[in-house]
Amino acid sequence: MRTKREKTYGMRARTLTRADRGRIMQNAHNYNALNRKPGQHNGPLTHAYLVVLHTLLFRFHHQVTGECFPSYVAIAKHSGVSRTTVGQAVKALELANILTWSNRIGRTCRRVRDAVTGQLVWLTQVVRLSNAYEFRVPPAAVKSPLEQDARRKTNLSAGLESSKSGNRPGHNINTSYKSNQALSGSSVGMGDCLKAALDSLGRRIQA
C-alpha cells in the first residue's frame, strides 16, 4: 500500500554548504555507477535527471534559509527539459535516496456572495502549493585503510628526509654556529676597545 505523502503548511528547511552540494551530486554519480545496467549510458539517473538535481541544488535552494520549493514549470524552464521529465526525475531521485519532498499547502481568502443572505463574505480555502524539497546529505568520505597507510608512509618519509643530519626539522646547526660565532666575535672586539681606552688614560695620568 502506498504511503500517504506528508502535507505541511510550512516546510522543513536545511541549509547546505557548497561542499554539501558537491557531496550530493557525487552521491548521485556513485548511485549510477553502482546500479548501471547493460545498455544504460549513465545509469538509473539519466543526464536529464542529473540536470534537474543540479538545478534544484544550485539554482533554487536558498543558501541562507535552506528553502527549496520551485514549481515543476520553473524547474523545467531552467533545466531545459519538459515538465513530465521533471516529475520523472523527482521520483527517480527520491528512489535513489537523494532527496525527498512534501506537499506544501497554504490558506487563501477570497470574498464570495453568500447564497442565503446575498451578502459578501470572506471564504478561507486550503490550496495546494508547489512541493517542498529536502536533500539528503551523505557523510564525508572516509579514506580506506590502504589510503590511510599510504598517507602515513608519505609523512614518515618526509620526516626522515628533513632530519637526515640528525637535527630536528626546522633547526639548522649551521645557523646556530654562525650566530654564536658572531656573538663571540663582537664580545672580543668590545674587550680590545676597553683595554685601549684604559691604556690611553694611564699614559695621560703619568704625563
N, C-alpha and C. Protein backbone atom coordinates (compact mmCIF):
# COMPACT_ATOMS: atom_id res chain seq x y z
N MET A 1 0.84 -1.20 0.00
CA MET A 1 0.00 0.00 0.00
C MET A 1 0.87 1.24 0.00
N ARG A 2 0.56 2.19 -0.85
CA ARG A 2 1.35 3.41 -0.98
C ARG A 2 1.13 4.31 0.23
N THR A 3 2.26 4.76 0.82
CA THR A 3 2.15 5.62 1.98
C THR A 3 1.65 7.00 1.56
N LYS A 4 0.91 7.62 2.47
CA LYS A 4 0.34 8.93 2.19
C LYS A 4 1.43 9.99 2.30
N ARG A 5 1.49 10.86 1.31
CA ARG A 5 2.50 11.90 1.28
C ARG A 5 2.21 12.95 2.34
N GLU A 6 3.25 13.37 3.03
CA GLU A 6 3.09 14.35 4.10
C GLU A 6 2.68 15.70 3.53
N LYS A 7 1.79 16.37 4.23
CA LYS A 7 1.36 17.72 3.87
C LYS A 7 1.78 18.68 4.97
N THR A 8 2.42 19.77 4.60
CA THR A 8 2.92 20.72 5.58
C THR A 8 2.51 22.12 5.18
N TYR A 9 2.18 22.93 6.19
CA TYR A 9 1.89 24.34 5.95
C TYR A 9 3.19 25.13 5.81
N GLY A 10 4.14 24.76 6.63
CA GLY A 10 5.46 25.37 6.47
C GLY A 10 6.31 24.46 5.61
N MET A 11 7.59 24.34 5.95
CA MET A 11 8.45 23.40 5.26
C MET A 11 9.69 23.15 6.10
N ARG A 12 10.22 21.95 5.96
CA ARG A 12 11.46 21.62 6.64
C ARG A 12 12.61 22.11 5.79
N ALA A 13 13.38 23.01 6.36
CA ALA A 13 14.48 23.61 5.60
C ALA A 13 15.81 23.21 6.22
N ARG A 14 16.78 22.99 5.38
CA ARG A 14 18.12 22.66 5.85
C ARG A 14 19.14 23.39 4.99
N THR A 15 19.98 24.18 5.64
CA THR A 15 21.00 24.90 4.90
C THR A 15 22.08 23.94 4.42
N LEU A 16 22.65 24.25 3.27
CA LEU A 16 23.68 23.40 2.68
C LEU A 16 24.88 24.25 2.32
N THR A 17 26.05 23.74 2.61
CA THR A 17 27.27 24.38 2.16
C THR A 17 27.58 23.94 0.73
N ARG A 18 28.55 24.59 0.13
CA ARG A 18 28.93 24.17 -1.22
C ARG A 18 29.50 22.75 -1.21
N ALA A 19 30.18 22.41 -0.13
CA ALA A 19 30.71 21.04 0.00
C ALA A 19 29.56 20.04 0.10
N ASP A 20 28.49 20.41 0.80
CA ASP A 20 27.32 19.52 0.89
C ASP A 20 26.71 19.29 -0.48
N ARG A 21 26.58 20.36 -1.26
CA ARG A 21 26.01 20.22 -2.61
C ARG A 21 26.89 19.31 -3.47
N GLY A 22 28.20 19.49 -3.32
CA GLY A 22 29.12 18.64 -4.09
C GLY A 22 29.00 17.18 -3.71
N ARG A 23 28.83 16.89 -2.41
CA ARG A 23 28.68 15.51 -1.97
C ARG A 23 27.37 14.91 -2.47
N ILE A 24 26.32 15.73 -2.52
CA ILE A 24 25.03 15.24 -3.01
C ILE A 24 25.15 14.86 -4.49
N MET A 25 25.78 15.72 -5.29
CA MET A 25 25.95 15.41 -6.71
C MET A 25 26.83 14.18 -6.88
N GLN A 26 27.90 14.08 -6.08
CA GLN A 26 28.79 12.92 -6.18
C GLN A 26 28.05 11.65 -5.77
N ASN A 27 27.16 11.77 -4.79
CA ASN A 27 26.37 10.62 -4.36
C ASN A 27 25.48 10.12 -5.49
N ALA A 28 24.94 11.06 -6.28
CA ALA A 28 24.12 10.67 -7.42
C ALA A 28 24.94 9.92 -8.47
N HIS A 29 26.16 10.38 -8.73
CA HIS A 29 27.03 9.69 -9.69
C HIS A 29 27.44 8.32 -9.16
N ASN A 30 27.70 8.24 -7.85
CA ASN A 30 28.05 6.94 -7.27
C ASN A 30 26.88 5.96 -7.37
N TYR A 31 25.69 6.47 -7.18
CA TYR A 31 24.50 5.62 -7.31
C TYR A 31 24.39 5.08 -8.73
N ASN A 32 24.66 5.91 -9.71
CA ASN A 32 24.64 5.44 -11.10
C ASN A 32 25.69 4.37 -11.34
N ALA A 33 26.88 4.59 -10.80
CA ALA A 33 27.97 3.63 -11.01
C ALA A 33 27.64 2.26 -10.40
N LEU A 34 26.96 2.26 -9.28
CA LEU A 34 26.64 1.00 -8.60
C LEU A 34 25.44 0.29 -9.22
N ASN A 35 24.56 1.04 -9.87
CA ASN A 35 23.30 0.45 -10.36
C ASN A 35 23.17 0.51 -11.88
N ARG A 36 24.26 0.77 -12.58
CA ARG A 36 24.20 0.82 -14.04
C ARG A 36 23.96 -0.58 -14.60
N LYS A 37 23.07 -0.66 -15.55
CA LYS A 37 22.74 -1.92 -16.20
C LYS A 37 23.20 -1.88 -17.65
N PRO A 38 23.35 -3.04 -18.27
CA PRO A 38 23.77 -3.06 -19.68
C PRO A 38 22.80 -2.26 -20.55
N GLY A 39 23.37 -1.43 -21.39
CA GLY A 39 22.56 -0.59 -22.28
C GLY A 39 22.29 0.79 -21.74
N GLN A 40 22.59 1.02 -20.47
CA GLN A 40 22.40 2.35 -19.89
C GLN A 40 23.68 3.16 -20.03
N HIS A 41 23.53 4.40 -20.48
CA HIS A 41 24.71 5.25 -20.67
C HIS A 41 25.24 5.75 -19.32
N ASN A 42 24.36 6.31 -18.51
CA ASN A 42 24.77 6.81 -17.19
C ASN A 42 24.39 5.85 -16.08
N GLY A 43 23.16 5.40 -16.09
CA GLY A 43 22.61 4.58 -15.03
C GLY A 43 21.14 4.90 -14.84
N PRO A 44 20.56 4.55 -13.71
CA PRO A 44 19.15 4.86 -13.47
C PRO A 44 18.86 6.36 -13.53
N LEU A 45 19.83 7.16 -13.11
CA LEU A 45 19.67 8.62 -13.17
C LEU A 45 20.26 9.11 -14.48
N THR A 46 19.39 9.46 -15.41
CA THR A 46 19.84 9.91 -16.72
C THR A 46 20.47 11.29 -16.62
N HIS A 47 21.03 11.72 -17.74
CA HIS A 47 21.64 13.05 -17.78
C HIS A 47 20.60 14.13 -17.45
N ALA A 48 19.39 13.98 -17.97
CA ALA A 48 18.33 14.96 -17.70
C ALA A 48 17.98 15.00 -16.21
N TYR A 49 17.96 13.83 -15.56
CA TYR A 49 17.65 13.78 -14.13
C TYR A 49 18.74 14.47 -13.32
N LEU A 50 20.00 14.27 -13.73
CA LEU A 50 21.10 14.93 -13.03
C LEU A 50 21.06 16.44 -13.22
N VAL A 51 20.64 16.87 -14.40
CA VAL A 51 20.49 18.31 -14.64
C VAL A 51 19.41 18.90 -13.73
N VAL A 52 18.33 18.18 -13.56
CA VAL A 52 17.26 18.62 -12.66
C VAL A 52 17.78 18.73 -11.24
N LEU A 53 18.55 17.74 -10.80
CA LEU A 53 19.12 17.78 -9.46
C LEU A 53 20.06 18.98 -9.30
N HIS A 54 20.90 19.20 -10.29
CA HIS A 54 21.83 20.34 -10.24
C HIS A 54 21.07 21.66 -10.19
N THR A 55 19.98 21.76 -10.93
CA THR A 55 19.17 22.98 -10.94
C THR A 55 18.53 23.22 -9.58
N LEU A 56 18.02 22.17 -8.96
CA LEU A 56 17.42 22.31 -7.64
C LEU A 56 18.45 22.76 -6.60
N LEU A 57 19.66 22.19 -6.68
CA LEU A 57 20.68 22.48 -5.69
C LEU A 57 21.28 23.86 -5.86
N PHE A 58 21.64 24.22 -7.09
CA PHE A 58 22.42 25.43 -7.32
C PHE A 58 21.60 26.60 -7.84
N ARG A 59 20.35 26.36 -8.18
CA ARG A 59 19.51 27.44 -8.69
C ARG A 59 18.41 27.84 -7.70
N PHE A 60 17.76 26.85 -7.11
CA PHE A 60 16.57 27.14 -6.32
C PHE A 60 16.77 26.97 -4.81
N HIS A 61 17.74 26.21 -4.38
CA HIS A 61 17.95 26.06 -2.94
C HIS A 61 18.53 27.34 -2.36
N HIS A 62 17.84 27.90 -1.37
CA HIS A 62 18.27 29.17 -0.77
C HIS A 62 19.40 28.91 0.21
N GLN A 63 20.52 29.62 0.04
CA GLN A 63 21.70 29.36 0.86
C GLN A 63 21.51 29.78 2.31
N VAL A 64 20.68 30.79 2.56
CA VAL A 64 20.50 31.31 3.92
C VAL A 64 19.40 30.57 4.67
N THR A 65 18.23 30.45 4.04
CA THR A 65 17.07 29.84 4.72
C THR A 65 17.00 28.33 4.53
N GLY A 66 17.63 27.81 3.49
CA GLY A 66 17.56 26.37 3.20
C GLY A 66 16.29 25.96 2.49
N GLU A 67 15.45 26.91 2.11
CA GLU A 67 14.18 26.58 1.47
C GLU A 67 14.38 26.24 0.00
N CYS A 68 13.56 25.33 -0.48
CA CYS A 68 13.61 24.93 -1.89
C CYS A 68 12.22 24.45 -2.28
N PHE A 69 11.45 25.29 -2.96
CA PHE A 69 10.09 24.91 -3.32
C PHE A 69 9.68 25.46 -4.70
N PRO A 70 10.49 25.23 -5.74
CA PRO A 70 10.10 25.70 -7.07
C PRO A 70 9.00 24.82 -7.66
N SER A 71 8.26 25.37 -8.59
CA SER A 71 7.24 24.60 -9.29
C SER A 71 7.88 23.76 -10.39
N TYR A 72 7.14 22.78 -10.89
CA TYR A 72 7.64 21.97 -11.99
C TYR A 72 7.93 22.83 -13.22
N VAL A 73 7.10 23.83 -13.44
CA VAL A 73 7.29 24.70 -14.61
C VAL A 73 8.60 25.47 -14.49
N ALA A 74 8.89 25.99 -13.29
CA ALA A 74 10.13 26.74 -13.09
C ALA A 74 11.34 25.84 -13.24
N ILE A 75 11.26 24.62 -12.69
CA ILE A 75 12.39 23.69 -12.81
C ILE A 75 12.63 23.33 -14.28
N ALA A 76 11.54 23.05 -15.00
CA ALA A 76 11.66 22.69 -16.41
C ALA A 76 12.27 23.82 -17.22
N LYS A 77 11.90 25.06 -16.90
CA LYS A 77 12.40 26.21 -17.65
C LYS A 77 13.91 26.37 -17.48
N HIS A 78 14.40 26.24 -16.26
CA HIS A 78 15.83 26.45 -16.01
C HIS A 78 16.66 25.20 -16.28
N SER A 79 16.02 24.05 -16.38
CA SER A 79 16.76 22.82 -16.68
C SER A 79 16.80 22.50 -18.17
N GLY A 80 15.89 23.11 -18.93
CA GLY A 80 15.83 22.83 -20.35
C GLY A 80 15.20 21.49 -20.67
N VAL A 81 14.33 20.99 -19.78
CA VAL A 81 13.64 19.72 -20.01
C VAL A 81 12.13 19.97 -19.92
N SER A 82 11.36 18.93 -20.21
CA SER A 82 9.91 19.07 -20.15
C SER A 82 9.41 18.92 -18.71
N ARG A 83 8.17 19.35 -18.49
CA ARG A 83 7.58 19.21 -17.16
C ARG A 83 7.42 17.74 -16.77
N THR A 84 7.12 16.90 -17.75
CA THR A 84 6.99 15.47 -17.48
C THR A 84 8.31 14.87 -17.02
N THR A 85 9.40 15.31 -17.66
CA THR A 85 10.73 14.83 -17.26
C THR A 85 11.08 15.26 -15.85
N VAL A 86 10.66 16.45 -15.45
CA VAL A 86 10.90 16.92 -14.08
C VAL A 86 10.23 15.99 -13.08
N GLY A 87 8.97 15.62 -13.36
CA GLY A 87 8.26 14.70 -12.47
C GLY A 87 8.94 13.35 -12.38
N GLN A 88 9.41 12.85 -13.51
CA GLN A 88 10.11 11.56 -13.52
C GLN A 88 11.44 11.67 -12.77
N ALA A 89 12.11 12.79 -12.92
CA ALA A 89 13.39 12.98 -12.24
C ALA A 89 13.21 13.01 -10.73
N VAL A 90 12.18 13.70 -10.25
CA VAL A 90 11.93 13.78 -8.82
C VAL A 90 11.67 12.39 -8.24
N LYS A 91 10.88 11.58 -8.95
CA LYS A 91 10.61 10.21 -8.49
C LYS A 91 11.88 9.37 -8.45
N ALA A 92 12.70 9.48 -9.50
CA ALA A 92 13.93 8.69 -9.56
C ALA A 92 14.92 9.13 -8.49
N LEU A 93 15.02 10.42 -8.24
CA LEU A 93 15.95 10.93 -7.23
C LEU A 93 15.50 10.53 -5.82
N GLU A 94 14.20 10.48 -5.61
CA GLU A 94 13.71 10.03 -4.30
C GLU A 94 13.97 8.54 -4.13
N LEU A 95 13.80 7.75 -5.19
CA LEU A 95 14.07 6.33 -5.13
C LEU A 95 15.54 6.05 -4.84
N ALA A 96 16.41 6.94 -5.34
CA ALA A 96 17.85 6.80 -5.10
C ALA A 96 18.27 7.36 -3.75
N ASN A 97 17.30 7.84 -2.96
CA ASN A 97 17.58 8.40 -1.63
C ASN A 97 18.45 9.65 -1.71
N ILE A 98 18.27 10.41 -2.79
CA ILE A 98 19.00 11.66 -2.96
C ILE A 98 18.23 12.82 -2.34
N LEU A 99 16.91 12.79 -2.48
CA LEU A 99 16.08 13.85 -1.93
C LEU A 99 14.72 13.27 -1.53
N THR A 100 13.95 14.08 -0.84
CA THR A 100 12.58 13.76 -0.52
C THR A 100 11.77 15.05 -0.63
N TRP A 101 10.44 14.92 -0.67
CA TRP A 101 9.62 16.12 -0.81
C TRP A 101 8.30 15.92 -0.09
N SER A 102 7.67 17.02 0.20
CA SER A 102 6.37 17.01 0.88
C SER A 102 5.43 17.96 0.17
N ASN A 103 4.13 17.71 0.33
CA ASN A 103 3.12 18.58 -0.26
C ASN A 103 3.04 19.87 0.56
N ARG A 104 3.30 20.96 -0.08
CA ARG A 104 3.21 22.25 0.62
C ARG A 104 1.83 22.85 0.38
N ILE A 105 1.12 23.17 1.45
CA ILE A 105 -0.23 23.72 1.33
C ILE A 105 -0.28 25.06 2.06
N GLY A 106 -1.27 25.84 1.71
CA GLY A 106 -1.46 27.14 2.34
C GLY A 106 -2.93 27.51 2.35
N ARG A 107 -3.22 28.65 2.97
CA ARG A 107 -4.60 29.14 3.05
C ARG A 107 -4.73 30.40 2.21
N THR A 108 -5.86 30.51 1.55
CA THR A 108 -6.16 31.70 0.77
C THR A 108 -7.56 32.20 1.15
N CYS A 109 -7.75 33.49 1.12
CA CYS A 109 -9.03 34.11 1.46
C CYS A 109 -9.56 34.88 0.25
N ARG A 110 -10.83 34.72 -0.03
CA ARG A 110 -11.45 35.47 -1.11
C ARG A 110 -12.89 35.79 -0.73
N ARG A 111 -13.40 36.84 -1.30
CA ARG A 111 -14.76 37.28 -0.98
C ARG A 111 -15.74 36.66 -1.98
N VAL A 112 -16.77 36.06 -1.43
CA VAL A 112 -17.81 35.45 -2.25
C VAL A 112 -19.17 35.92 -1.73
N ARG A 113 -20.16 35.78 -2.55
CA ARG A 113 -21.52 36.17 -2.14
C ARG A 113 -22.24 34.98 -1.54
N ASP A 114 -22.74 35.17 -0.34
CA ASP A 114 -23.44 34.10 0.36
C ASP A 114 -24.73 33.77 -0.38
N ALA A 115 -24.97 32.46 -0.58
CA ALA A 115 -26.14 32.03 -1.35
C ALA A 115 -27.43 32.30 -0.61
N VAL A 116 -27.40 32.36 0.72
CA VAL A 116 -28.62 32.55 1.51
C VAL A 116 -28.92 34.02 1.73
N THR A 117 -27.92 34.74 2.25
CA THR A 117 -28.15 36.15 2.60
C THR A 117 -27.88 37.09 1.44
N GLY A 118 -27.11 36.66 0.48
CA GLY A 118 -26.76 37.54 -0.63
C GLY A 118 -25.67 38.54 -0.30
N GLN A 119 -25.07 38.44 0.88
CA GLN A 119 -24.02 39.37 1.29
C GLN A 119 -22.65 38.80 0.94
N LEU A 120 -21.68 39.73 0.81
CA LEU A 120 -20.31 39.32 0.53
C LEU A 120 -19.65 38.89 1.83
N VAL A 121 -19.10 37.72 1.82
CA VAL A 121 -18.42 37.18 3.00
C VAL A 121 -17.04 36.68 2.58
N TRP A 122 -16.15 36.57 3.58
CA TRP A 122 -14.81 36.05 3.32
C TRP A 122 -14.82 34.53 3.43
N LEU A 123 -14.25 33.87 2.42
CA LEU A 123 -14.18 32.42 2.40
C LEU A 123 -12.71 32.00 2.44
N THR A 124 -12.37 31.18 3.42
CA THR A 124 -11.00 30.67 3.57
C THR A 124 -10.92 29.27 2.99
N GLN A 125 -9.91 29.06 2.12
CA GLN A 125 -9.73 27.76 1.49
C GLN A 125 -8.29 27.31 1.64
N VAL A 126 -8.10 26.00 1.71
CA VAL A 126 -6.78 25.41 1.72
C VAL A 126 -6.41 25.04 0.28
N VAL A 127 -5.28 25.53 -0.18
CA VAL A 127 -4.87 25.30 -1.56
C VAL A 127 -3.53 24.57 -1.58
N ARG A 128 -3.30 23.85 -2.63
CA ARG A 128 -2.05 23.12 -2.82
C ARG A 128 -1.03 24.04 -3.47
N LEU A 129 0.17 24.08 -2.89
CA LEU A 129 1.26 24.88 -3.41
C LEU A 129 2.31 23.96 -4.02
N SER A 130 3.43 24.53 -4.43
CA SER A 130 4.49 23.72 -5.02
C SER A 130 5.14 22.85 -3.95
N ASN A 131 5.83 21.79 -4.40
CA ASN A 131 6.46 20.85 -3.47
C ASN A 131 7.60 21.51 -2.71
N ALA A 132 7.83 21.02 -1.49
CA ALA A 132 8.98 21.44 -0.70
C ALA A 132 10.01 20.32 -0.73
N TYR A 133 11.22 20.61 -1.19
CA TYR A 133 12.25 19.59 -1.37
C TYR A 133 13.26 19.65 -0.24
N GLU A 134 13.67 18.47 0.18
CA GLU A 134 14.71 18.35 1.22
C GLU A 134 15.74 17.33 0.73
N PHE A 135 17.00 17.71 0.82
CA PHE A 135 18.08 16.88 0.27
C PHE A 135 18.75 16.08 1.38
N ARG A 136 19.16 14.88 1.04
CA ARG A 136 19.86 14.02 1.98
C ARG A 136 21.36 14.16 1.74
N VAL A 137 22.05 14.67 2.74
CA VAL A 137 23.49 14.91 2.61
C VAL A 137 24.25 13.67 3.08
N PRO A 138 25.01 13.02 2.21
CA PRO A 138 25.79 11.85 2.65
C PRO A 138 26.94 12.30 3.54
N PRO A 139 27.41 11.43 4.43
CA PRO A 139 28.55 11.80 5.28
C PRO A 139 29.80 11.98 4.45
N ALA A 140 30.75 12.72 5.01
CA ALA A 140 32.01 12.93 4.31
C ALA A 140 32.70 11.60 4.08
N ALA A 141 33.35 11.49 2.93
CA ALA A 141 34.00 10.23 2.57
C ALA A 141 35.12 9.91 3.55
N VAL A 142 35.18 8.65 3.99
CA VAL A 142 36.22 8.18 4.90
C VAL A 142 37.25 7.41 4.08
N LYS A 143 38.51 7.75 4.26
CA LYS A 143 39.56 7.10 3.48
C LYS A 143 39.71 5.65 3.91
N SER A 144 39.98 4.81 2.94
CA SER A 144 40.16 3.40 3.21
C SER A 144 41.46 3.17 3.99
N PRO A 145 41.59 2.02 4.67
CA PRO A 145 42.83 1.73 5.41
C PRO A 145 44.07 1.78 4.53
N LEU A 146 43.96 1.37 3.27
CA LEU A 146 45.11 1.41 2.37
C LEU A 146 45.54 2.85 2.11
N GLU A 147 44.54 3.74 1.90
CA GLU A 147 44.86 5.15 1.67
C GLU A 147 45.46 5.78 2.92
N GLN A 148 44.94 5.43 4.09
CA GLN A 148 45.49 5.97 5.32
C GLN A 148 46.92 5.49 5.54
N ASP A 149 47.21 4.21 5.23
CA ASP A 149 48.55 3.68 5.39
C ASP A 149 49.52 4.34 4.44
N ALA A 150 49.08 4.59 3.20
CA ALA A 150 49.93 5.27 2.23
C ALA A 150 50.23 6.70 2.67
N ARG A 151 49.23 7.37 3.23
CA ARG A 151 49.44 8.73 3.72
C ARG A 151 50.42 8.75 4.89
N ARG A 152 50.32 7.75 5.77
CA ARG A 152 51.21 7.66 6.92
C ARG A 152 52.65 7.43 6.46
N LYS A 153 52.85 6.57 5.46
CA LYS A 153 54.19 6.31 4.95
C LYS A 153 54.77 7.54 4.28
N THR A 154 53.95 8.31 3.59
CA THR A 154 54.42 9.53 2.94
C THR A 154 54.89 10.54 3.98
N ASN A 155 54.12 10.71 5.05
CA ASN A 155 54.50 11.63 6.12
C ASN A 155 55.79 11.18 6.80
N LEU A 156 55.93 9.86 6.99
CA LEU A 156 57.13 9.33 7.62
C LEU A 156 58.35 9.57 6.76
N SER A 157 58.22 9.36 5.46
CA SER A 157 59.34 9.59 4.54
C SER A 157 59.74 11.06 4.53
N ALA A 158 58.75 11.95 4.56
CA ALA A 158 59.03 13.38 4.57
C ALA A 158 59.77 13.77 5.84
N GLY A 159 59.38 13.15 6.99
CA GLY A 159 60.05 13.46 8.25
C GLY A 159 61.49 12.97 8.27
N LEU A 160 61.75 11.78 7.71
CA LEU A 160 63.11 11.26 7.65
C LEU A 160 63.97 12.09 6.72
N GLU A 161 63.41 12.55 5.62
CA GLU A 161 64.17 13.34 4.66
C GLU A 161 64.61 14.66 5.27
N SER A 162 63.71 15.26 6.09
CA SER A 162 64.03 16.57 6.67
C SER A 162 64.99 16.46 7.84
N SER A 163 65.22 15.24 8.37
CA SER A 163 66.10 15.10 9.54
C SER A 163 67.21 14.08 9.29
N LYS A 164 67.80 14.06 8.09
CA LYS A 164 68.88 13.13 7.77
C LYS A 164 70.13 13.43 8.60
N SER A 165 70.38 14.71 8.89
CA SER A 165 71.57 15.07 9.63
C SER A 165 71.43 14.86 11.12
N GLY A 166 70.27 14.37 11.56
CA GLY A 166 70.07 14.13 12.99
C GLY A 166 69.52 15.32 13.72
N ASN A 167 69.29 16.44 13.02
CA ASN A 167 68.75 17.63 13.65
C ASN A 167 67.24 17.61 13.60
N ARG A 168 66.61 18.36 14.46
CA ARG A 168 65.16 18.46 14.42
C ARG A 168 64.74 19.22 13.18
N PRO A 169 63.54 18.91 12.59
CA PRO A 169 63.06 19.64 11.43
C PRO A 169 62.94 21.12 11.75
N GLY A 170 63.44 21.94 10.85
CA GLY A 170 63.34 23.38 11.03
C GLY A 170 64.50 23.97 11.81
N HIS A 171 65.43 23.12 12.33
CA HIS A 171 66.56 23.62 13.12
C HIS A 171 67.83 23.41 12.31
N ASN A 172 68.57 24.47 12.07
CA ASN A 172 69.78 24.42 11.26
C ASN A 172 70.98 24.66 12.16
N ILE A 173 71.85 23.66 12.29
CA ILE A 173 73.01 23.80 13.17
C ILE A 173 73.99 24.83 12.65
N ASN A 174 74.08 24.98 11.31
CA ASN A 174 74.99 25.97 10.74
C ASN A 174 74.59 27.38 11.13
N THR A 175 73.28 27.61 11.15
CA THR A 175 72.79 28.93 11.52
C THR A 175 73.13 29.23 12.97
N SER A 176 72.97 28.23 13.87
CA SER A 176 73.27 28.43 15.28
C SER A 176 74.76 28.69 15.47
N TYR A 177 75.58 27.96 14.73
CA TYR A 177 77.03 28.12 14.86
C TYR A 177 77.45 29.51 14.42
N LYS A 178 76.89 29.97 13.31
CA LYS A 178 77.25 31.30 12.80
C LYS A 178 76.82 32.38 13.77
N SER A 179 75.61 32.23 14.33
CA SER A 179 75.13 33.25 15.25
C SER A 179 75.99 33.29 16.51
N ASN A 180 76.41 32.12 17.03
CA ASN A 180 77.25 32.08 18.21
C ASN A 180 78.62 32.68 17.93
N GLN A 181 79.14 32.37 16.73
CA GLN A 181 80.44 32.91 16.35
C GLN A 181 80.39 34.42 16.24
N ALA A 182 79.29 34.94 15.71
CA ALA A 182 79.15 36.38 15.58
C ALA A 182 79.09 37.04 16.94
N LEU A 183 78.39 36.42 17.90
CA LEU A 183 78.30 36.98 19.25
C LEU A 183 79.66 36.99 19.94
N SER A 184 80.42 35.86 19.81
CA SER A 184 81.72 35.81 20.45
C SER A 184 82.67 36.81 19.82
N GLY A 185 82.58 36.99 18.51
CA GLY A 185 83.43 37.97 17.84
C GLY A 185 83.15 39.38 18.30
N SER A 186 81.89 39.70 18.47
CA SER A 186 81.54 41.05 18.89
C SER A 186 82.01 41.32 20.31
N SER A 187 81.96 40.26 21.21
CA SER A 187 82.42 40.45 22.59
C SER A 187 83.92 40.69 22.64
N VAL A 188 84.69 39.99 21.80
CA VAL A 188 86.14 40.19 21.76
C VAL A 188 86.48 41.60 21.31
N GLY A 189 85.78 42.09 20.31
CA GLY A 189 86.04 43.45 19.81
C GLY A 189 85.79 44.48 20.89
N MET A 190 84.77 44.35 21.68
CA MET A 190 84.47 45.28 22.74
C MET A 190 85.56 45.26 23.81
N GLY A 191 86.15 44.07 24.14
CA GLY A 191 87.23 43.98 25.13
C GLY A 191 88.48 44.71 24.69
N ASP A 192 88.84 44.62 23.40
CA ASP A 192 90.01 45.31 22.88
C ASP A 192 89.85 46.82 22.96
N CYS A 193 88.67 47.30 22.66
CA CYS A 193 88.43 48.74 22.72
C CYS A 193 88.56 49.26 24.14
N LEU A 194 88.02 48.50 25.10
CA LEU A 194 88.10 48.92 26.51
C LEU A 194 89.54 48.96 27.00
N LYS A 195 90.37 47.96 26.63
CA LYS A 195 91.77 47.91 27.04
C LYS A 195 92.55 49.08 26.47
N ALA A 196 92.29 49.41 25.24
CA ALA A 196 92.99 50.54 24.61
C ALA A 196 92.64 51.84 25.30
N ALA A 197 91.37 51.98 25.67
CA ALA A 197 90.95 53.22 26.35
C ALA A 197 91.61 53.35 27.71
N LEU A 198 91.73 52.24 28.46
CA LEU A 198 92.38 52.29 29.77
C LEU A 198 93.86 52.61 29.64
N ASP A 199 94.56 52.03 28.67
CA ASP A 199 95.98 52.34 28.45
C ASP A 199 96.19 53.81 28.16
N SER A 200 95.32 54.35 27.34
CA SER A 200 95.44 55.78 26.99
C SER A 200 95.24 56.67 28.20
N LEU A 201 94.28 56.29 29.07
CA LEU A 201 94.01 57.07 30.27
C LEU A 201 95.21 57.00 31.23
N GLY A 202 95.84 55.81 31.33
CA GLY A 202 97.00 55.67 32.22
C GLY A 202 98.17 56.54 31.75
N ARG A 203 98.46 56.61 30.47
CA ARG A 203 99.56 57.41 29.96
C ARG A 203 99.33 58.89 30.24
N ARG A 204 98.08 59.33 30.13
CA ARG A 204 97.78 60.75 30.39
C ARG A 204 97.99 61.10 31.85
N ILE A 205 97.61 60.14 32.75
CA ILE A 205 97.79 60.40 34.19
C ILE A 205 99.29 60.52 34.51
N GLN A 206 100.11 59.61 33.95
CA GLN A 206 101.56 59.66 34.20
C GLN A 206 102.15 60.96 33.66
N ALA A 207 101.67 61.43 32.53
CA ALA A 207 102.17 62.67 31.97
C ALA A 207 101.81 63.85 32.86
